Amino acid sequence: MPNLKLTLEYDGTEFHGFQRQPARGGLRTVQGELERCFSRLLRETIKVIGAGRTDAGVHATGQVVSFRTSRPIPAARLPKVLNGALPADVQVQNCEEVEDGFHARRDARSRTYRYTVIERERPSPLLGRYALIVPGRLDAAEMGRAARPLAGRHDFRAFQGGGSETKSTERRLMRLDCARKGRTVTITAEADSFLYQMVRIMVGALLAVARGELGQEDLLAALADGDRRRLPGPAPACGLCLVQVSY
């Protein structure tokens, strides 16, 4: 039975996250949409494994999923076939057959997310769907200085959203940097894996640094003692995008 690896792009605005919800919940998810469409098209029950469980409203240009099918469809043809059955806000960008033991989540070495902030005095119905719109000018250089010490292997429990369950809150953050291009500021984070809302909480903290509400010492104190109360709430989901999964 072929094991297939797909790279997906989706607009997360109308999805309640990636992960499948209980059938009685009636909430639309990326995983649920994929499994429903693939099962109907391939005429067998399809279970999809995702590399990253993006939250409600979070987008992706490089999400990776894997699944098995007994149908002898060449991998090169699958994107066109599958995209014909999928809604416009989630589409397959690439498909390849992989070794039998490949697992989209367990085999991933890192995930990279990018958060986009646009400096603009007035709201934007179009840009605001995929970025956080803020008035005034952010101190991106200060954000970058505050971000650098967070890189490395740490206990990130202060950067975890409430209501999640995990055996360990220790993660290896390989990269957290800020860059400016014109009036757009991007925060890029790469880690072996992320806690629930971890990237958005880091972004919320860095935005507070840019506004002068927090300093680098406040972020380091939260990292040291794990006190979630030291940090602001997560930044809105609209600005976050899963851009790459590395294997």
Protein backbone atom coordinates (compact mmCIF):
# COMPACT_ATOMS: atom_id res chain seq x y z
CA MET A 1 0.00 0.00 0.00
CA PRO A 2 1.73 3.25 -1.14
CA ASN A 3 2.72 5.78 1.52
CA LEU A 4 2.26 9.31 0.17
CA LYS A 5 3.72 12.62 1.35
CA LEU A 6 1.80 15.78 0.42
CA THR A 7 2.75 19.44 0.82
CA LEU A 8 -0.26 21.66 1.43
CA GLU A 9 -1.13 25.32 1.27
CA TYR A 10 -4.22 26.62 3.05
CA ASP A 11 -5.95 29.74 4.20
CA GLY A 12 -6.73 29.01 7.85
CA THR A 13 -9.32 31.78 8.29
CA GLU A 14 -12.37 29.54 8.00
CA PHE A 15 -10.82 26.48 9.69
CA HIS A 16 -10.94 25.61 13.39
CA GLY A 17 -7.33 24.47 13.22
CA PHE A 18 -5.71 21.50 11.52
CA GLN A 19 -6.67 18.67 13.85
CA ARG A 20 -9.82 16.66 13.30
CA GLN A 21 -12.64 17.44 15.77
CA PRO A 22 -15.20 14.97 17.17
CA ALA A 23 -17.88 14.26 14.59
CA ARG A 24 -20.60 15.74 16.75
CA GLY A 25 -18.71 19.03 17.12
CA GLY A 26 -19.43 20.09 13.56
CA LEU A 27 -16.31 22.26 13.37
CA ARG A 28 -14.50 22.52 10.06
CA THR A 29 -10.82 21.51 10.22
CA VAL A 30 -8.08 20.97 7.64
CA GLN A 31 -7.57 17.32 8.60
CA GLY A 32 -11.31 16.67 8.57
CA GLU A 33 -11.70 18.27 5.13
CA LEU A 34 -8.77 16.30 3.70
CA GLU A 35 -10.02 12.97 5.04
CA ARG A 36 -13.59 13.59 3.90
CA CYS A 37 -12.57 14.56 0.36
CA PHE A 38 -9.84 11.93 -0.03
CA SER A 39 -12.05 9.13 1.29
CA ARG A 40 -14.85 10.05 -1.10
CA LEU A 41 -12.53 10.41 -4.08
CA LEU A 42 -10.47 7.26 -3.47
CA ARG A 43 -13.46 5.24 -2.24
CA GLU A 44 -11.74 4.03 0.92
CA THR A 45 -11.25 5.32 4.45
CA ILE A 46 -8.28 7.70 4.50
CA LYS A 47 -6.54 8.80 7.70
CA VAL A 48 -4.20 11.77 7.31
CA ILE A 49 -1.16 12.48 9.54
CA GLY A 50 -0.08 16.13 9.77
CA ALA A 51 3.37 17.48 10.60
CA GLY A 52 1.99 20.47 12.51
CA ARG A 53 -1.29 20.98 14.34
CA THR A 54 -1.90 24.59 13.38
CA ASP A 55 -4.40 26.50 15.52
CA ALA A 56 -7.68 28.01 14.38
CA GLY A 57 -7.06 30.84 11.92
CA VAL A 58 -3.40 29.94 11.26
CA HIS A 59 -2.33 29.58 7.63
CA ALA A 60 0.17 27.31 5.89
CA THR A 61 2.25 27.33 2.73
CA GLY A 62 4.38 24.33 3.71
CA GLN A 63 2.26 21.97 5.80
CA VAL A 64 3.18 18.31 5.24
CA VAL A 65 0.83 15.35 5.59
CA SER A 66 1.15 11.66 4.88
CA PHE A 67 -1.41 8.96 4.22
CA ARG A 68 -1.76 5.52 2.69
CA THR A 69 -4.02 4.43 -0.13
CA SER A 70 -4.55 1.16 -1.97
CA ARG A 71 -5.39 3.02 -5.19
CA PRO A 72 -2.66 2.76 -7.85
CA ILE A 73 -2.63 6.47 -8.76
CA PRO A 74 0.81 7.87 -9.78
CA ALA A 75 2.01 10.46 -7.26
CA ALA A 76 2.66 13.00 -10.03
CA ARG A 77 -1.03 12.96 -10.97
CA LEU A 78 -2.42 13.16 -7.46
CA PRO A 79 -2.25 16.94 -6.86
CA LYS A 80 -4.50 17.65 -9.84
CA VAL A 81 -6.88 14.83 -8.93
CA LEU A 82 -7.08 15.74 -5.24
CA ASN A 83 -7.33 19.48 -5.81
CA GLY A 84 -10.38 18.91 -7.97
CA ALA A 85 -12.15 17.47 -4.92
CA LEU A 86 -10.83 19.92 -2.31
CA PRO A 87 -12.26 23.36 -1.50
CA ALA A 88 -10.39 26.43 -2.74
CA ASP A 89 -8.96 27.30 0.70
CA VAL A 90 -6.86 24.11 0.96
CA GLN A 91 -4.85 22.77 -1.97
CA VAL A 92 -2.09 20.22 -2.59
CA GLN A 93 1.14 21.74 -3.93
CA ASN A 94 3.27 18.61 -4.22
CA CYS A 95 2.97 14.85 -3.80
CA GLU A 96 5.57 12.09 -3.69
CA GLU A 97 5.67 8.45 -2.72
CA VAL A 98 7.92 7.86 0.30
CA GLU A 99 9.34 4.87 2.14
CA ASP A 100 6.93 2.68 4.03
CA GLY A 101 8.05 3.86 7.48
CA PHE A 102 7.72 7.61 6.79
CA HIS A 103 5.56 9.50 9.32
CA ALA A 104 4.82 13.18 8.66
CA ARG A 105 4.84 14.18 12.34
CA ARG A 106 7.36 11.87 14.04
CA ASP A 107 10.01 12.16 11.31
CA ALA A 108 9.98 15.98 11.15
CA ARG A 109 13.25 17.53 12.41
CA SER A 110 11.89 21.07 12.61
CA ARG A 111 8.94 23.31 11.80
CA THR A 112 9.31 26.92 10.67
CA TYR A 113 6.60 29.54 11.23
CA ARG A 114 6.53 33.13 10.03
CA TYR A 115 4.47 35.88 11.61
CA THR A 116 3.74 39.00 9.54
CA VAL A 117 3.06 42.45 10.97
CA ILE A 118 2.23 45.43 8.74
CA GLU A 119 2.54 48.99 9.97
CA ARG A 120 -0.50 50.84 8.70
CA GLU A 121 -2.65 53.56 10.21
CA ARG A 122 -5.96 52.17 8.97
CA PRO A 123 -7.28 48.59 8.92
CA SER A 124 -7.05 46.59 5.70
CA PRO A 125 -9.83 44.11 4.84
CA LEU A 126 -7.44 42.32 2.46
CA LEU A 127 -4.05 42.45 4.20
CA GLY A 128 -5.64 41.96 7.61
CA ARG A 129 -6.64 38.45 6.62
CA TYR A 130 -3.00 37.36 6.52
CA ALA A 131 -1.15 39.84 8.75
CA LEU A 132 -1.52 41.79 11.96
CA ILE A 133 -2.11 45.47 11.16
CA VAL A 134 -0.62 47.89 13.70
CA PRO A 135 -0.48 51.71 13.71
CA GLY A 136 2.83 53.49 14.18
CA ARG A 137 6.33 52.12 13.79
CA LEU A 138 7.76 49.10 15.58
CA ASP A 139 11.31 48.93 16.87
CA ALA A 140 12.22 45.77 14.97
CA ALA A 141 15.88 46.00 16.03
CA GLU A 142 14.90 45.95 19.71
CA MET A 143 12.54 43.04 19.04
CA GLY A 144 15.44 41.15 17.49
CA ARG A 145 17.71 41.82 20.45
CA ALA A 146 15.04 40.61 22.87
CA ALA A 147 14.43 37.48 20.79
CA ARG A 148 18.00 36.21 20.51
CA PRO A 149 18.45 34.85 24.07
CA LEU A 150 15.31 32.72 23.70
CA ALA A 151 17.02 30.53 21.12
CA GLY A 152 18.33 27.21 22.41
CA ARG A 153 16.90 24.34 24.44
CA HIS A 154 14.75 25.65 27.27
CA ASP A 155 11.62 24.94 29.26
CA PHE A 156 9.08 27.16 27.48
CA ARG A 157 6.15 26.59 29.85
CA ALA A 158 5.67 30.36 30.25
CA PHE A 159 5.13 30.52 26.48
CA GLN A 160 2.40 27.87 26.37
CA GLY A 161 -1.29 28.64 26.02
CA GLY A 162 -3.73 27.36 28.62
CA GLY A 163 -5.79 24.21 28.21
CA SER A 164 -3.12 22.11 26.52
CA GLU A 165 -1.70 18.81 27.70
CA THR A 166 1.88 17.77 27.02
CA LYS A 167 4.37 15.51 28.77
CA SER A 168 7.20 18.03 28.53
CA THR A 169 7.36 21.78 27.89
CA GLU A 170 11.04 21.65 26.94
CA ARG A 171 11.72 22.54 23.32
CA ARG A 172 14.72 23.38 21.15
CA LEU A 173 14.20 26.76 19.53
CA MET A 174 16.68 26.87 16.65
CA ARG A 175 15.79 30.30 15.36
CA LEU A 176 13.83 33.37 16.43
CA ASP A 177 14.55 36.54 14.52
CA CYS A 178 12.89 39.71 13.32
CA ALA A 179 13.35 41.43 9.99
CA ARG A 180 12.01 44.60 8.44
CA LYS A 181 11.20 45.29 4.79
CA GLY A 182 9.59 48.67 4.35
CA ARG A 183 6.55 48.78 6.64
CA THR A 184 6.42 44.99 7.06
CA VAL A 185 8.03 43.25 10.03
CA THR A 186 8.36 39.46 10.01
CA ILE A 187 9.15 37.23 12.98
CA THR A 188 10.51 33.82 11.98
CA ALA A 189 10.64 30.91 14.44
CA GLU A 190 12.07 27.43 13.87
CA ALA A 191 11.98 24.66 16.49
CA ASP A 192 11.97 20.90 16.76
CA SER A 193 8.31 21.32 17.76
CA PHE A 194 6.16 24.02 19.33
CA LEU A 195 3.88 24.16 22.34
CA TYR A 196 0.27 25.26 21.99
CA GLN A 197 0.22 28.97 20.97
CA MET A 198 3.97 29.19 21.62
CA VAL A 199 4.84 31.23 18.52
CA ARG A 200 1.92 33.61 19.00
CA ILE A 201 2.84 34.18 22.65
CA MET A 202 6.45 34.90 21.68
CA VAL A 203 5.23 37.36 19.06
CA GLY A 204 2.89 39.00 21.57
CA ALA A 205 5.82 39.43 23.96
CA LEU A 206 8.09 40.86 21.25
CA LEU A 207 5.40 43.33 20.20
CA ALA A 208 5.19 44.43 23.85
CA VAL A 209 8.97 44.95 23.76
CA ALA A 210 8.58 47.07 20.61
CA ARG A 211 5.99 49.22 22.40
CA GLY A 212 8.22 49.65 25.45
CA GLU A 213 5.87 47.68 27.71
CA LEU A 214 8.37 44.87 28.34
CA GLY A 215 12.12 44.54 28.22
CA GLN A 216 14.43 41.67 27.37
CA GLU A 217 14.84 41.03 31.10
CA ASP A 218 11.09 40.35 31.41
CA LEU A 219 11.22 37.66 28.72
CA LEU A 220 14.26 36.06 30.33
CA ALA A 221 12.57 36.10 33.74
CA ALA A 222 9.53 34.34 32.29
CA LEU A 223 11.79 31.79 30.65
CA ALA A 224 13.63 31.21 33.92
CA ASP A 225 10.67 30.78 36.28
CA GLY A 226 7.96 29.62 33.84
CA ASP A 227 5.43 32.19 35.05
CA ARG A 228 2.91 32.69 32.23
CA ARG A 229 1.57 35.80 33.98
CA ARG A 230 4.72 37.74 33.13
CA LEU A 231 3.82 37.76 29.44
CA PRO A 232 0.92 39.22 27.42
CA GLY A 233 -1.65 37.19 25.54
CA PRO A 234 -0.92 35.58 22.18
CA ALA A 235 -0.82 37.67 19.02
CA PRO A 236 -3.84 37.13 16.70
CA ALA A 237 -3.77 33.98 14.60
CA CYS A 238 -4.22 35.80 11.28
CA GLY A 239 -0.54 36.78 11.00
CA LEU A 240 0.89 33.29 11.51
CA CYS A 241 1.83 30.85 8.74
CA LEU A 242 3.55 27.45 8.77
CA VAL A 243 6.07 27.87 5.97
CA GLN A 244 8.31 24.80 6.13
CA VAL A 245 8.70 21.36 7.67
CA SER A 246 12.21 19.91 7.50
CA TYR A 247 13.04 16.18 7.50
